[in-house]
């Protein structure tokens, strides 16, 4: 049988070892959370750049087809949103499209009669561009976000 002082000393050493393991676990959790926050900020800043590019292209390039009662079809302004959805996936693509639709409401040329019509014509319509994110996997590997 060991003397009580040795038992106490062994318990103390074990406690110190566990403290190091717990410290490591806490550090790893913080690193993972920080990495997720950095990735989220990177995606949000990329979304804002793509939305700005969409607005600029919409204003510079002429529409493909002009409707007689108003409205037009412009593919050039939508390409950056599709590209973003393919790069970042469904969730972020729908988010960027919805946000662009909200911004588009306040741009010149927007015509809203009813709030429901405004919601359907602008935010929800452009959010459907984010559905391109459903086919993210065939075009882009999950490790790097570059086109093949």
C-alpha atoms as a PDB file:
ATOM      1  CA  UNK A   1       0.000   0.000   0.000  1.00  0.00           C
ATOM      2  CA  UNK A   2       1.256   3.487  -0.907  1.00  0.00           C
ATOM      3  CA  UNK A   3       1.638   6.227   1.633  1.00  0.00           C
ATOM      4  CA  UNK A   4      -1.088   8.909   1.514  1.00  0.00           C
ATOM      5  CA  UNK A   5       1.328  11.579   0.279  1.00  0.00           C
ATOM      6  CA  UNK A   6       2.203   9.544  -2.837  1.00  0.00           C
ATOM      7  CA  UNK A   7      -1.493   8.934  -3.619  1.00  0.00           C
ATOM      8  CA  UNK A   8      -2.156  12.652  -3.239  1.00  0.00           C
ATOM      9  CA  UNK A   9       0.818  13.432  -5.513  1.00  0.00           C
ATOM     10  CA  UNK A  10      -0.413  10.986  -8.216  1.00  0.00           C
ATOM     11  CA  UNK A  11      -3.918  12.485  -8.136  1.00  0.00           C
ATOM     12  CA  UNK A  12      -2.440  15.947  -8.497  1.00  0.00           C
ATOM     13  CA  UNK A  13      -0.370  14.884 -11.540  1.00  0.00           C
ATOM     14  CA  UNK A  14      -3.413  13.265 -13.157  1.00  0.00           C
ATOM     15  CA  UNK A  15      -5.414  16.441 -12.551  1.00  0.00           C
ATOM     16  CA  UNK A  16      -2.689  18.506 -14.279  1.00  0.00           C
ATOM     17  CA  UNK A  17      -2.684  16.157 -17.284  1.00  0.00           C
ATOM     18  CA  UNK A  18      -6.462  16.447 -17.627  1.00  0.00           C
ATOM     19  CA  UNK A  19      -6.219  20.203 -17.332  1.00  0.00           C
ATOM     20  CA  UNK A  20      -3.883  20.221 -20.357  1.00  0.00           C
ATOM     21  CA  UNK A  21      -6.300  18.071 -22.370  1.00  0.00           C
ATOM     22  CA  UNK A  22      -9.252  20.305 -21.470  1.00  0.00           C
ATOM     23  CA  UNK A  23      -7.248  23.379 -22.423  1.00  0.00           C
ATOM     24  CA  UNK A  24      -6.461  21.806 -25.795  1.00  0.00           C
ATOM     25  CA  UNK A  25     -10.133  20.969 -26.388  1.00  0.00           C
ATOM     26  CA  UNK A  26     -11.184  24.539 -25.599  1.00  0.00           C
ATOM     27  CA  UNK A  27      -8.436  25.906 -27.874  1.00  0.00           C
ATOM     28  CA  UNK A  28      -9.496  23.626 -30.751  1.00  0.00           C
ATOM     29  CA  UNK A  29     -13.157  24.610 -30.343  1.00  0.00           C
ATOM     30  CA  UNK A  30     -12.180  28.290 -30.495  1.00  0.00           C
ATOM     31  CA  UNK A  31     -10.047  27.705 -33.589  1.00  0.00           C
ATOM     32  CA  UNK A  32     -12.871  25.883 -35.361  1.00  0.00           C
ATOM     33  CA  UNK A  33     -15.349  28.639 -34.464  1.00  0.00           C
ATOM     34  CA  UNK A  34     -12.894  31.328 -35.603  1.00  0.00           C
ATOM     35  CA  UNK A  35     -12.325  29.493 -38.885  1.00  0.00           C
ATOM     36  CA  UNK A  36     -16.090  29.303 -39.477  1.00  0.00           C
ATOM     37  CA  UNK A  37     -16.454  33.018 -38.741  1.00  0.00           C
ATOM     38  CA  UNK A  38     -13.630  33.894 -41.142  1.00  0.00           C
ATOM     39  CA  UNK A  39     -15.168  31.692 -43.842  1.00  0.00           C
ATOM     40  CA  UNK A  40     -18.585  33.295 -43.298  1.00  0.00           C
ATOM     41  CA  UNK A  41     -17.121  36.796 -43.606  1.00  0.00           C
ATOM     42  CA  UNK A  42     -15.242  35.764 -46.746  1.00  0.00           C
ATOM     43  CA  UNK A  43     -18.428  34.421 -48.354  1.00  0.00           C
ATOM     44  CA  UNK A  44     -20.443  37.517 -47.393  1.00  0.00           C
ATOM     45  CA  UNK A  45     -17.815  39.843 -48.847  1.00  0.00           C
ATOM     46  CA  UNK A  46     -17.679  37.739 -52.007  1.00  0.00           C
ATOM     47  CA  UNK A  47     -21.485  37.923 -52.246  1.00  0.00           C
ATOM     48  CA  UNK A  48     -21.411  41.710 -51.991  1.00  0.00           C
ATOM     49  CA  UNK A  49     -18.803  41.891 -54.769  1.00  0.00           C
ATOM     50  CA  UNK A  50     -20.861  39.648 -57.043  1.00  0.00           C
ATOM     51  CA  UNK A  51     -24.034  41.647 -56.328  1.00  0.00           C
ATOM     52  CA  UNK A  52     -22.208  44.885 -57.149  1.00  0.00           C
ATOM     53  CA  UNK A  53     -20.883  43.326 -60.364  1.00  0.00           C
ATOM     54  CA  UNK A  54     -24.425  42.266 -61.288  1.00  0.00           C
ATOM     55  CA  UNK A  55     -25.706  45.822 -60.766  1.00  0.00           C
ATOM     56  CA  UNK A  56     -22.911  47.311 -62.872  1.00  0.00           C
ATOM     57  CA  UNK A  57     -23.400  44.833 -65.730  1.00  0.00           C
ATOM     58  CA  UNK A  58     -27.169  45.367 -65.630  1.00  0.00           C
ATOM     59  CA  UNK A  59     -26.665  49.099 -66.122  1.00  0.00           C
ATOM     60  CA  UNK A  60     -23.900  48.885 -68.751  1.00  0.00           C
ATOM     61  CA  UNK A  61     -25.057  46.102 -71.083  1.00  0.00           C
ATOM     62  CA  UNK A  62     -28.308  46.429 -73.041  1.00  0.00           C
ATOM     63  CA  UNK A  63     -31.172  43.985 -72.426  1.00  0.00           C
ATOM     64  CA  UNK A  64     -31.685  41.030 -74.770  1.00  0.00           C
ATOM     65  CA  UNK A  65     -35.435  41.557 -75.021  1.00  0.00           C
ATOM     66  CA  UNK A  66     -37.656  44.519 -74.128  1.00  0.00           C
ATOM     67  CA  UNK A  67     -41.316  43.851 -73.255  1.00  0.00           C
ATOM     68  CA  UNK A  68     -43.988  46.172 -74.736  1.00  0.00           C
ATOM     69  CA  UNK A  69     -45.598  46.931 -71.335  1.00  0.00           C
ATOM     70  CA  UNK A  70     -42.274  47.355 -69.592  1.00  0.00           C
ATOM     71  CA  UNK A  71     -39.703  44.995 -68.201  1.00  0.00           C
ATOM     72  CA  UNK A  72     -36.792  43.375 -69.942  1.00  0.00           C
ATOM     73  CA  UNK A  73     -34.614  40.296 -70.047  1.00  0.00           C
ATOM     74  CA  UNK A  74     -30.900  40.840 -69.471  1.00  0.00           C
ATOM     75  CA  UNK A  75     -28.707  37.776 -69.216  1.00  0.00           C
ATOM     76  CA  UNK A  76     -25.414  39.627 -68.728  1.00  0.00           C
ATOM     77  CA  UNK A  77     -26.417  41.047 -65.351  1.00  0.00           C
ATOM     78  CA  UNK A  78     -27.430  37.621 -64.065  1.00  0.00           C
ATOM     79  CA  UNK A  79     -24.246  35.737 -64.910  1.00  0.00           C
ATOM     80  CA  UNK A  80     -22.362  36.858 -61.751  1.00  0.00           C
ATOM     81  CA  UNK A  81     -25.211  35.641 -59.530  1.00  0.00           C
ATOM     82  CA  UNK A  82     -25.232  32.269 -61.278  1.00  0.00           C
ATOM     83  CA  UNK A  83     -21.469  32.038 -60.950  1.00  0.00           C
ATOM     84  CA  UNK A  84     -21.666  32.826 -57.240  1.00  0.00           C
ATOM     85  CA  UNK A  85     -24.367  30.179 -56.715  1.00  0.00           C
ATOM     86  CA  UNK A  86     -22.222  27.588 -58.492  1.00  0.00           C
ATOM     87  CA  UNK A  87     -19.213  28.541 -56.347  1.00  0.00           C
ATOM     88  CA  UNK A  88     -20.904  28.661 -52.944  1.00  0.00           C
ATOM     89  CA  UNK A  89     -23.918  26.386 -53.176  1.00  0.00           C
ATOM     90  CA  UNK A  90     -27.668  26.614 -52.715  1.00  0.00           C
ATOM     91  CA  UNK A  91     -27.918  28.453 -49.374  1.00  0.00           C
ATOM     92  CA  UNK A  92     -25.527  31.268 -50.238  1.00  0.00           C
ATOM     93  CA  UNK A  93     -26.755  31.496 -53.851  1.00  0.00           C
ATOM     94  CA  UNK A  94     -30.368  31.969 -52.771  1.00  0.00           C
ATOM     95  CA  UNK A  95     -29.225  34.503 -50.179  1.00  0.00           C
ATOM     96  CA  UNK A  96     -27.284  36.550 -52.766  1.00  0.00           C
ATOM     97  CA  UNK A  97     -30.172  36.433 -55.264  1.00  0.00           C
ATOM     98  CA  UNK A  98     -32.703  37.514 -52.646  1.00  0.00           C
ATOM     99  CA  UNK A  99     -30.455  40.360 -51.522  1.00  0.00           C
ATOM    100  CA  UNK A 100     -29.932  41.492 -55.119  1.00  0.00           C
ATOM    101  CA  UNK A 101     -33.720  41.458 -55.605  1.00  0.00           C
ATOM    102  CA  UNK A 102     -34.167  43.702 -52.554  1.00  0.00           C
ATOM    103  CA  UNK A 103     -31.546  46.107 -53.894  1.00  0.00           C
ATOM    104  CA  UNK A 104     -33.054  45.976 -57.389  1.00  0.00           C
ATOM    105  CA  UNK A 105     -36.375  47.284 -56.021  1.00  0.00           C
ATOM    106  CA  UNK A 106     -34.715  50.619 -55.248  1.00  0.00           C
ATOM    107  CA  UNK A 107     -32.874  50.918 -58.582  1.00  0.00           C
ATOM    108  CA  UNK A 108     -34.347  53.070 -61.364  1.00  0.00           C
ATOM    109  CA  UNK A 109     -36.771  51.250 -63.626  1.00  0.00           C
ATOM    110  CA  UNK A 110     -38.438  49.172 -60.916  1.00  0.00           C
ATOM    111  CA  UNK A 111     -42.222  49.236 -61.063  1.00  0.00           C
ATOM    112  CA  UNK A 112     -44.250  47.933 -58.131  1.00  0.00           C
ATOM    113  CA  UNK A 113     -48.044  48.064 -57.982  1.00  0.00           C
ATOM    114  CA  UNK A 114     -48.691  45.736 -55.065  1.00  0.00           C
ATOM    115  CA  UNK A 115     -46.372  44.514 -52.272  1.00  0.00           C
ATOM    116  CA  UNK A 116     -47.017  40.865 -53.209  1.00  0.00           C
ATOM    117  CA  UNK A 117     -46.158  41.628 -56.840  1.00  0.00           C
ATOM    118  CA  UNK A 118     -43.006  43.426 -55.696  1.00  0.00           C
ATOM    119  CA  UNK A 119     -41.964  40.418 -53.607  1.00  0.00           C
ATOM    120  CA  UNK A 120     -42.616  37.962 -56.448  1.00  0.00           C
ATOM    121  CA  UNK A 121     -41.029  40.075 -59.191  1.00  0.00           C
ATOM    122  CA  UNK A 122     -37.842  41.052 -57.414  1.00  0.00           C
ATOM    123  CA  UNK A 123     -36.526  39.184 -54.321  1.00  0.00           C
ATOM    124  CA  UNK A 124     -38.125  35.786 -54.976  1.00  0.00           C
ATOM    125  CA  UNK A 125     -37.479  35.866 -58.718  1.00  0.00           C
ATOM    126  CA  UNK A 126     -33.801  36.606 -58.268  1.00  0.00           C
ATOM    127  CA  UNK A 127     -33.528  34.162 -55.372  1.00  0.00           C
ATOM    128  CA  UNK A 128     -34.421  31.391 -57.818  1.00  0.00           C
ATOM    129  CA  UNK A 129     -31.069  32.055 -59.506  1.00  0.00           C
ATOM    130  CA  UNK A 130     -29.553  30.586 -56.361  1.00  0.00           C
ATOM    131  CA  UNK A 131     -31.092  27.240 -57.288  1.00  0.00           C
ATOM    132  CA  UNK A 132     -28.092  26.860 -59.582  1.00  0.00           C
ATOM    133  CA  UNK A 133     -26.282  25.989 -56.359  1.00  0.00           C
ATOM    134  CA  UNK A 134     -28.030  22.607 -56.434  1.00  0.00           C
ATOM    135  CA  UNK A 135     -25.623  21.518 -59.164  1.00  0.00           C
ATOM    136  CA  UNK A 136     -22.530  22.804 -57.370  1.00  0.00           C
ATOM    137  CA  UNK A 137     -20.888  19.394 -56.972  1.00  0.00           C
ATOM    138  CA  UNK A 138     -20.537  18.439 -60.675  1.00  0.00           C
ATOM    139  CA  UNK A 139     -18.819  21.735 -61.526  1.00  0.00           C
ATOM    140  CA  UNK A 140     -16.684  22.539 -58.524  1.00  0.00           C
ATOM    141  CA  UNK A 141     -14.720  20.398 -56.102  1.00  0.00           C
ATOM    142  CA  UNK A 142     -15.540  21.006 -52.450  1.00  0.00           C
ATOM    143  CA  UNK A 143     -11.884  21.637 -51.468  1.00  0.00           C
ATOM    144  CA  UNK A 144     -11.097  24.561 -53.740  1.00  0.00           C
ATOM    145  CA  UNK A 145     -13.561  26.968 -55.276  1.00  0.00           C
ATOM    146  CA  UNK A 146     -12.156  27.140 -58.784  1.00  0.00           C
ATOM    147  CA  UNK A 147     -13.704  26.033 -62.024  1.00  0.00           C
ATOM    148  CA  UNK A 148     -12.252  22.940 -63.722  1.00  0.00           C
END
